[in-house]
C-alpha atoms as a PDB file:
ATOM      1  CA  UNK A   1      64.960  -5.351 -32.358  1.00  0.00           C
ATOM      2  CA  UNK A   2      65.166  -4.911 -28.576  1.00  0.00           C
ATOM      3  CA  UNK A   3      65.326  -1.423 -27.116  1.00  0.00           C
ATOM      4  CA  UNK A   4      68.698  -2.292 -25.543  1.00  0.00           C
ATOM      5  CA  UNK A   5      70.167  -3.339 -28.886  1.00  0.00           C
ATOM      6  CA  UNK A   6      68.851  -0.187 -30.496  1.00  0.00           C
ATOM      7  CA  UNK A   7      70.281   1.989 -27.706  1.00  0.00           C
ATOM      8  CA  UNK A   8      73.668   0.342 -28.163  1.00  0.00           C
ATOM      9  CA  UNK A   9      73.522   1.114 -31.865  1.00  0.00           C
ATOM     10  CA  UNK A  10      72.736   4.810 -31.408  1.00  0.00           C
ATOM     11  CA  UNK A  11      74.770   5.587 -28.311  1.00  0.00           C
ATOM     12  CA  UNK A  12      73.729   7.552 -25.228  1.00  0.00           C
ATOM     13  CA  UNK A  13      72.255  10.765 -26.651  1.00  0.00           C
ATOM     14  CA  UNK A  14      68.621  11.736 -25.881  1.00  0.00           C
ATOM     15  CA  UNK A  15      66.300   9.631 -27.993  1.00  0.00           C
ATOM     16  CA  UNK A  16      68.763   6.738 -28.226  1.00  0.00           C
ATOM     17  CA  UNK A  17      66.257   4.209 -26.844  1.00  0.00           C
ATOM     18  CA  UNK A  18      63.712   4.954 -29.569  1.00  0.00           C
ATOM     19  CA  UNK A  19      63.980   8.188 -31.560  1.00  0.00           C
ATOM     20  CA  UNK A  20      60.553   7.947 -33.212  1.00  0.00           C
ATOM     21  CA  UNK A  21      57.877  10.488 -32.334  1.00  0.00           C
ATOM     22  CA  UNK A  22      54.637   9.568 -34.082  1.00  0.00           C
ATOM     23  CA  UNK A  23      52.613  12.524 -35.315  1.00  0.00           C
ATOM     24  CA  UNK A  24      48.957  12.097 -34.368  1.00  0.00           C
ATOM     25  CA  UNK A  25      47.765  14.237 -37.262  1.00  0.00           C
ATOM     26  CA  UNK A  26      44.178  13.006 -37.146  1.00  0.00           C
ATOM     27  CA  UNK A  27      40.747  14.604 -36.859  1.00  0.00           C
ATOM     28  CA  UNK A  28      39.452  13.163 -33.599  1.00  0.00           C
ATOM     29  CA  UNK A  29      40.320  11.758 -30.212  1.00  0.00           C
ATOM     30  CA  UNK A  30      38.867   8.405 -31.293  1.00  0.00           C
ATOM     31  CA  UNK A  31      41.292   8.140 -34.214  1.00  0.00           C
ATOM     32  CA  UNK A  32      44.206   9.117 -31.983  1.00  0.00           C
ATOM     33  CA  UNK A  33      43.254   6.520 -29.380  1.00  0.00           C
ATOM     34  CA  UNK A  34      43.002   3.815 -32.033  1.00  0.00           C
ATOM     35  CA  UNK A  35      46.460   4.597 -33.368  1.00  0.00           C
ATOM     36  CA  UNK A  36      47.994   4.550 -29.901  1.00  0.00           C
ATOM     37  CA  UNK A  37      46.421   1.144 -29.237  1.00  0.00           C
ATOM     38  CA  UNK A  38      47.629  -0.238 -32.564  1.00  0.00           C
ATOM     39  CA  UNK A  39      51.152   1.017 -31.954  1.00  0.00           C
ATOM     40  CA  UNK A  40      51.228  -0.461 -28.468  1.00  0.00           C
ATOM     41  CA  UNK A  41      54.730  -0.743 -27.058  1.00  0.00           C
ATOM     42  CA  UNK A  42      56.419  -0.014 -30.395  1.00  0.00           C
ATOM     43  CA  UNK A  43      56.275   3.754 -29.772  1.00  0.00           C
ATOM     44  CA  UNK A  44      56.039   5.736 -26.561  1.00  0.00           C
ATOM     45  CA  UNK A  45      56.331   9.332 -27.832  1.00  0.00           C
ATOM     46  CA  UNK A  46      53.538  11.191 -29.642  1.00  0.00           C
ATOM     47  CA  UNK A  47      53.180  14.597 -31.236  1.00  0.00           C
ATOM     48  CA  UNK A  48      49.897  16.444 -30.838  1.00  0.00           C
ATOM     49  CA  UNK A  49      49.735  19.158 -33.474  1.00  0.00           C
ATOM     50  CA  UNK A  50      47.307  21.881 -34.424  1.00  0.00           C
ATOM     51  CA  UNK A  51      44.663  19.679 -36.061  1.00  0.00           C
ATOM     52  CA  UNK A  52      44.166  17.323 -33.121  1.00  0.00           C
ATOM     53  CA  UNK A  53      44.568  20.134 -30.604  1.00  0.00           C
ATOM     54  CA  UNK A  54      41.887  22.151 -32.408  1.00  0.00           C
ATOM     55  CA  UNK A  55      39.577  19.132 -32.289  1.00  0.00           C
ATOM     56  CA  UNK A  56      40.139  18.016 -28.695  1.00  0.00           C
ATOM     57  CA  UNK A  57      42.075  20.662 -26.797  1.00  0.00           C
ATOM     58  CA  UNK A  58      44.142  19.062 -24.032  1.00  0.00           C
ATOM     59  CA  UNK A  59      41.923  15.977 -23.789  1.00  0.00           C
ATOM     60  CA  UNK A  60      44.170  13.634 -25.786  1.00  0.00           C
ATOM     61  CA  UNK A  61      47.300  15.136 -24.242  1.00  0.00           C
ATOM     62  CA  UNK A  62      46.041  14.322 -20.745  1.00  0.00           C
ATOM     63  CA  UNK A  63      45.036  10.804 -21.804  1.00  0.00           C
ATOM     64  CA  UNK A  64      48.468  10.112 -23.257  1.00  0.00           C
ATOM     65  CA  UNK A  65      50.197  11.386 -20.148  1.00  0.00           C
ATOM     66  CA  UNK A  66      47.924   9.275 -17.936  1.00  0.00           C
ATOM     67  CA  UNK A  67      49.013   6.211 -19.934  1.00  0.00           C
ATOM     68  CA  UNK A  68      52.663   6.979 -19.299  1.00  0.00           C
ATOM     69  CA  UNK A  69      53.294   8.209 -22.845  1.00  0.00           C
ATOM     70  CA  UNK A  70      55.556  11.132 -23.646  1.00  0.00           C
ATOM     71  CA  UNK A  71      53.968  14.079 -25.400  1.00  0.00           C
ATOM     72  CA  UNK A  72      55.337  16.622 -27.849  1.00  0.00           C
ATOM     73  CA  UNK A  73      52.811  19.467 -28.006  1.00  0.00           C
ATOM     74  CA  UNK A  74      53.286  21.316 -31.289  1.00  0.00           C
ATOM     75  CA  UNK A  75      51.266  24.574 -31.383  1.00  0.00           C
ATOM     76  CA  UNK A  76      54.274  26.676 -32.502  1.00  0.00           C
ATOM     77  CA  UNK A  77      53.406  29.521 -30.138  1.00  0.00           C
ATOM     78  CA  UNK A  78      53.806  32.927 -31.772  1.00  0.00           C
ATOM     79  CA  UNK A  79      52.195  35.946 -30.147  1.00  0.00           C
ATOM     80  CA  UNK A  80      53.153  38.925 -28.052  1.00  0.00           C
ATOM     81  CA  UNK A  81      55.754  37.872 -25.457  1.00  0.00           C
ATOM     82  CA  UNK A  82      53.486  38.212 -22.417  1.00  0.00           C
ATOM     83  CA  UNK A  83      50.870  35.954 -23.994  1.00  0.00           C
ATOM     84  CA  UNK A  84      53.520  33.387 -24.909  1.00  0.00           C
ATOM     85  CA  UNK A  85      54.971  33.458 -21.406  1.00  0.00           C
ATOM     86  CA  UNK A  86      51.590  32.842 -19.793  1.00  0.00           C
ATOM     87  CA  UNK A  87      50.628  30.108 -22.275  1.00  0.00           C
ATOM     88  CA  UNK A  88      53.923  28.293 -21.785  1.00  0.00           C
ATOM     89  CA  UNK A  89      53.423  28.472 -18.014  1.00  0.00           C
ATOM     90  CA  UNK A  90      50.092  26.692 -18.426  1.00  0.00           C
ATOM     91  CA  UNK A  91      51.605  23.937 -20.588  1.00  0.00           C
ATOM     92  CA  UNK A  92      54.478  23.515 -18.133  1.00  0.00           C
ATOM     93  CA  UNK A  93      51.994  22.440 -15.445  1.00  0.00           C
ATOM     94  CA  UNK A  94      50.728  19.476 -17.469  1.00  0.00           C
ATOM     95  CA  UNK A  95      53.772  17.200 -17.721  1.00  0.00           C
ATOM     96  CA  UNK A  96      54.171  17.602 -21.475  1.00  0.00           C
ATOM     97  CA  UNK A  97      57.798  16.933 -22.405  1.00  0.00           C
ATOM     98  CA  UNK A  98      58.323  19.052 -25.559  1.00  0.00           C
ATOM     99  CA  UNK A  99      56.643  22.297 -26.613  1.00  0.00           C
ATOM    100  CA  UNK A 100      57.266  24.245 -29.820  1.00  0.00           C
ATOM    101  CA  UNK A 101      57.586  27.996 -30.078  1.00  0.00           C
ATOM    102  CA  UNK A 102      58.530  30.346 -32.894  1.00  0.00           C
ATOM    103  CA  UNK A 103      62.264  30.957 -33.277  1.00  0.00           C
ATOM    104  CA  UNK A 104      62.155  34.719 -32.697  1.00  0.00           C
ATOM    105  CA  UNK A 105      64.288  36.079 -29.870  1.00  0.00           C
ATOM    106  CA  UNK A 106      61.525  37.875 -27.942  1.00  0.00           C
ATOM    107  CA  UNK A 107      59.273  34.801 -28.169  1.00  0.00           C
ATOM    108  CA  UNK A 108      62.020  32.462 -27.013  1.00  0.00           C
ATOM    109  CA  UNK A 109      62.969  34.623 -24.047  1.00  0.00           C
ATOM    110  CA  UNK A 110      59.322  34.857 -22.990  1.00  0.00           C
ATOM    111  CA  UNK A 111      58.916  31.077 -23.277  1.00  0.00           C
ATOM    112  CA  UNK A 112      61.971  30.443 -21.111  1.00  0.00           C
ATOM    113  CA  UNK A 113      60.539  32.782 -18.476  1.00  0.00           C
ATOM    114  CA  UNK A 114      57.158  31.049 -18.637  1.00  0.00           C
ATOM    115  CA  UNK A 115      58.670  27.585 -18.364  1.00  0.00           C
ATOM    116  CA  UNK A 116      60.463  28.553 -15.168  1.00  0.00           C
ATOM    117  CA  UNK A 117      62.091  25.682 -13.277  1.00  0.00           C
ATOM    118  CA  UNK A 118      59.824  22.954 -14.653  1.00  0.00           C
ATOM    119  CA  UNK A 119      61.040  20.005 -16.735  1.00  0.00           C
ATOM    120  CA  UNK A 120      59.325  21.212 -19.919  1.00  0.00           C
ATOM    121  CA  UNK A 121      61.719  21.250 -22.872  1.00  0.00           C
ATOM    122  CA  UNK A 122      61.283  24.137 -25.295  1.00  0.00           C
ATOM    123  CA  UNK A 123      61.904  23.586 -28.992  1.00  0.00           C
ATOM    124  CA  UNK A 124      62.338  26.557 -31.318  1.00  0.00           C
ATOM    125  CA  UNK A 125      60.980  26.094 -34.836  1.00  0.00           C
ATOM    126  CA  UNK A 126      63.611  27.272 -37.317  1.00  0.00           C
ATOM    127  CA  UNK A 127      62.201  27.000 -40.856  1.00  0.00           C
ATOM    128  CA  UNK A 128      59.246  24.751 -41.713  1.00  0.00           C
ATOM    129  CA  UNK A 129      60.178  21.660 -43.729  1.00  0.00           C
ATOM    130  CA  UNK A 130      57.475  22.570 -46.253  1.00  0.00           C
ATOM    131  CA  UNK A 131      59.386  25.774 -47.109  1.00  0.00           C
ATOM    132  CA  UNK A 132      61.588  26.133 -50.157  1.00  0.00           C
ATOM    133  CA  UNK A 133      63.661  29.100 -51.400  1.00  0.00           C
ATOM    134  CA  UNK A 134      60.616  30.659 -53.045  1.00  0.00           C
ATOM    135  CA  UNK A 135      58.822  30.781 -49.701  1.00  0.00           C
ATOM    136  CA  UNK A 136      61.662  32.687 -48.048  1.00  0.00           C
ATOM    137  CA  UNK A 137      61.776  35.075 -50.976  1.00  0.00           C
ATOM    138  CA  UNK A 138      58.045  35.714 -50.604  1.00  0.00           C
ATOM    139  CA  UNK A 139      58.565  36.534 -46.928  1.00  0.00           C
ATOM    140  CA  UNK A 140      61.324  38.992 -47.765  1.00  0.00           C
ATOM    141  CA  UNK A 141      64.336  37.021 -46.518  1.00  0.00           C
ATOM    142  CA  UNK A 142      67.416  37.706 -48.651  1.00  0.00           C
ATOM    143  CA  UNK A 143      69.277  34.583 -47.578  1.00  0.00           C
ATOM    144  CA  UNK A 144      69.406  30.836 -48.094  1.00  0.00           C
ATOM    145  CA  UNK A 145      67.315  28.525 -45.916  1.00  0.00           C
ATOM    146  CA  UNK A 146      70.404  27.076 -44.264  1.00  0.00           C
ATOM    147  CA  UNK A 147      71.576  30.567 -43.302  1.00  0.00           C
ATOM    148  CA  UNK A 148      68.260  31.434 -41.658  1.00  0.00           C
ATOM    149  CA  UNK A 149      68.204  28.114 -39.791  1.00  0.00           C
ATOM    150  CA  UNK A 150      71.748  28.755 -38.545  1.00  0.00           C
ATOM    151  CA  UNK A 151      70.873  32.285 -37.426  1.00  0.00           C
ATOM    152  CA  UNK A 152      67.844  31.060 -35.489  1.00  0.00           C
ATOM    153  CA  UNK A 153      69.760  28.138 -34.003  1.00  0.00           C
ATOM    154  CA  UNK A 154      72.467  30.392 -32.615  1.00  0.00           C
ATOM    155  CA  UNK A 155      69.888  32.762 -31.160  1.00  0.00           C
ATOM    156  CA  UNK A 156      67.947  29.865 -29.601  1.00  0.00           C
ATOM    157  CA  UNK A 157      71.031  28.617 -27.766  1.00  0.00           C
ATOM    158  CA  UNK A 158      71.766  32.167 -26.627  1.00  0.00           C
ATOM    159  CA  UNK A 159      68.208  32.458 -25.246  1.00  0.00           C
ATOM    160  CA  UNK A 160      68.433  29.192 -23.292  1.00  0.00           C
ATOM    161  CA  UNK A 161      66.190  27.088 -25.524  1.00  0.00           C
ATOM    162  CA  UNK A 162      66.576  23.306 -25.123  1.00  0.00           C
ATOM    163  CA  UNK A 163      66.235  22.226 -28.720  1.00  0.00           C
ATOM    164  CA  UNK A 164      65.380  22.954 -32.315  1.00  0.00           C
ATOM    165  CA  UNK A 165      62.917  21.715 -34.900  1.00  0.00           C
ATOM    166  CA  UNK A 166      64.599  21.675 -38.278  1.00  0.00           C
ATOM    167  CA  UNK A 167      64.817  19.827 -41.558  1.00  0.00           C
ATOM    168  CA  UNK A 168      67.079  16.753 -41.543  1.00  0.00           C
ATOM    169  CA  UNK A 169      68.985  18.428 -44.373  1.00  0.00           C
ATOM    170  CA  UNK A 170      70.244  21.057 -41.929  1.00  0.00           C
ATOM    171  CA  UNK A 171      70.893  18.687 -39.022  1.00  0.00           C
ATOM    172  CA  UNK A 172      74.595  18.003 -39.601  1.00  0.00           C
ATOM    173  CA  UNK A 173      75.564  21.656 -39.953  1.00  0.00           C
ATOM    174  CA  UNK A 174      73.501  22.753 -36.971  1.00  0.00           C
ATOM    175  CA  UNK A 175      74.817  19.926 -34.786  1.00  0.00           C
ATOM    176  CA  UNK A 176      78.343  21.224 -35.371  1.00  0.00           C
ATOM    177  CA  UNK A 177      77.229  24.690 -34.264  1.00  0.00           C
ATOM    178  CA  UNK A 178      75.105  23.866 -31.206  1.00  0.00           C
ATOM    179  CA  UNK A 179      77.089  20.923 -29.832  1.00  0.00           C
ATOM    180  CA  UNK A 180      75.847  17.659 -28.315  1.00  0.00           C
ATOM    181  CA  UNK A 181      73.512  19.004 -25.623  1.00  0.00           C
ATOM    182  CA  UNK A 182      70.935  20.718 -27.832  1.00  0.00           C
ATOM    183  CA  UNK A 183      68.007  18.486 -28.797  1.00  0.00           C
ATOM    184  CA  UNK A 184      67.468  18.251 -32.558  1.00  0.00           C
ATOM    185  CA  UNK A 185      64.020  17.130 -33.712  1.00  0.00           C
ATOM    186  CA  UNK A 186      63.518  16.511 -37.413  1.00  0.00           C
ATOM    187  CA  UNK A 187      60.201  16.254 -39.220  1.00  0.00           C
ATOM    188  CA  UNK A 188      60.400  15.711 -42.973  1.00  0.00           C
ATOM    189  CA  UNK A 189      61.689  12.166 -42.459  1.00  0.00           C
ATOM    190  CA  UNK A 190      60.683   9.466 -44.956  1.00  0.00           C
ATOM    191  CA  UNK A 191      62.064   6.042 -45.768  1.00  0.00           C
ATOM    192  CA  UNK A 192      63.285   5.679 -49.340  1.00  0.00           C
ATOM    193  CA  UNK A 193      60.308   5.210 -51.644  1.00  0.00           C
ATOM    194  CA  UNK A 194      57.773   6.762 -49.256  1.00  0.00           C
ATOM    195  CA  UNK A 195      55.653   9.679 -50.465  1.00  0.00           C
ATOM    196  CA  UNK A 196      56.976  13.140 -49.520  1.00  0.00           C
ATOM    197  CA  UNK A 197      53.503  14.683 -49.199  1.00  0.00           C
ATOM    198  CA  UNK A 198      53.800  18.448 -48.683  1.00  0.00           C
ATOM    199  CA  UNK A 199      57.371  18.270 -47.385  1.00  0.00           C
ATOM    200  CA  UNK A 200      60.154  19.734 -49.539  1.00  0.00           C
ATOM    201  CA  UNK A 201      63.315  19.225 -47.471  1.00  0.00           C
ATOM    202  CA  UNK A 202      63.385  15.553 -46.525  1.00  0.00           C
ATOM    203  CA  UNK A 203      65.806  12.727 -45.725  1.00  0.00           C
ATOM    204  CA  UNK A 204      65.582   9.096 -44.677  1.00  0.00           C
ATOM    205  CA  UNK A 205      65.454   8.145 -40.978  1.00  0.00           C
ATOM    206  CA  UNK A 206      68.961   6.689 -41.140  1.00  0.00           C
ATOM    207  CA  UNK A 207      70.336   9.852 -42.756  1.00  0.00           C
ATOM    208  CA  UNK A 208      68.704  12.085 -40.145  1.00  0.00           C
ATOM    209  CA  UNK A 209      70.118  10.075 -37.231  1.00  0.00           C
ATOM    210  CA  UNK A 210      73.543   9.908 -38.880  1.00  0.00           C
ATOM    211  CA  UNK A 211      73.558  13.692 -39.240  1.00  0.00           C
ATOM    212  CA  UNK A 212      72.803  14.364 -35.582  1.00  0.00           C
ATOM    213  CA  UNK A 213      69.039  14.244 -35.055  1.00  0.00           C
ATOM    214  CA  UNK A 214      67.902  13.010 -31.645  1.00  0.00           C
ATOM    215  CA  UNK A 215      64.250  12.501 -32.562  1.00  0.00           C
ATOM    216  CA  UNK A 216      62.396  11.852 -35.809  1.00  0.00           C
ATOM    217  CA  UNK A 217      58.812  13.016 -36.237  1.00  0.00           C
ATOM    218  CA  UNK A 218      57.083  10.529 -38.520  1.00  0.00           C
ATOM    219  CA  UNK A 219      53.430  10.718 -39.457  1.00  0.00           C
ATOM    220  CA  UNK A 220      51.789   9.218 -42.508  1.00  0.00           C
ATOM    221  CA  UNK A 221      54.435   6.591 -43.219  1.00  0.00           C
ATOM    222  CA  UNK A 222      53.546   4.957 -39.897  1.00  0.00           C
ATOM    223  CA  UNK A 223      50.005   6.124 -39.151  1.00  0.00           C
ATOM    224  CA  UNK A 224      48.631   5.162 -42.572  1.00  0.00           C
ATOM    225  CA  UNK A 225      50.437   1.835 -42.771  1.00  0.00           C
ATOM    226  CA  UNK A 226      48.379  -1.341 -42.732  1.00  0.00           C
ATOM    227  CA  UNK A 227      50.215  -2.306 -39.532  1.00  0.00           C
ATOM    228  CA  UNK A 228      51.557   0.856 -37.817  1.00  0.00           C
ATOM    229  CA  UNK A 229      53.472  -1.092 -35.169  1.00  0.00           C
ATOM    230  CA  UNK A 230      55.249  -3.230 -37.739  1.00  0.00           C
ATOM    231  CA  UNK A 231      56.091  -0.134 -39.783  1.00  0.00           C
ATOM    232  CA  UNK A 232      57.602   1.568 -36.729  1.00  0.00           C
ATOM    233  CA  UNK A 233      59.756  -1.497 -36.109  1.00  0.00           C
ATOM    234  CA  UNK A 234      60.794  -1.518 -39.757  1.00  0.00           C
ATOM    235  CA  UNK A 235      61.973   2.090 -39.468  1.00  0.00           C
ATOM    236  CA  UNK A 236      63.998   1.219 -36.357  1.00  0.00           C
ATOM    237  CA  UNK A 237      65.589  -1.687 -38.180  1.00  0.00           C
ATOM    238  CA  UNK A 238      66.382   0.575 -41.109  1.00  0.00           C
ATOM    239  CA  UNK A 239      68.212   3.007 -38.815  1.00  0.00           C
ATOM    240  CA  UNK A 240      70.057   0.263 -36.973  1.00  0.00           C
ATOM    241  CA  UNK A 241      71.227  -1.373 -40.195  1.00  0.00           C
ATOM    242  CA  UNK A 242      72.684   1.830 -41.652  1.00  0.00           C
END
């Protein structure tokens, strides 16, 4: 499917050209480079999470940016506000497009200050997609997951955050609350029949897009496929056919 045809299918929201962000959840720069080569022009947006960042620091991030790729840096910053502000300021200098922070008000306000007038988009993490009700209970939250996600979403908008990371199961409800301008990024996305792994709150790519997601973070389904590029195209076709 051509990018133009896909854009026409999804409309004009951010991510309409190709909503897939491939998670480079690998152990080394060499593995990341190989995946990027194999995916070629099928994907242009990559997530660098804690594992790869711990292995390579900013090395892979800089390489991706030098190749014209878009980067979603996913360290989920959570520290005292001054430290978060200064760390975000450093990331903002690099050209990374998305950066995740914890969805606590003091953290979000510090991140906005650190980002300043740069083009860096800040994404607040609401509730991890690996969490179920028992996890919230263990942490002492006396509410449902959807209620906590809603509370954090409202606070993120109030703090000037650009977008949210949330389960696709909460996307429709949160889209109604935050409106069309807030970027919604959904991990926990799997085509029907694909293994869920350690994710608990999942949906198909077509369901996530239908419910208001702008971007889909997809890892193992694509990165462990025999032909990652072909699998990415298959996911795009699946969304477009829905």
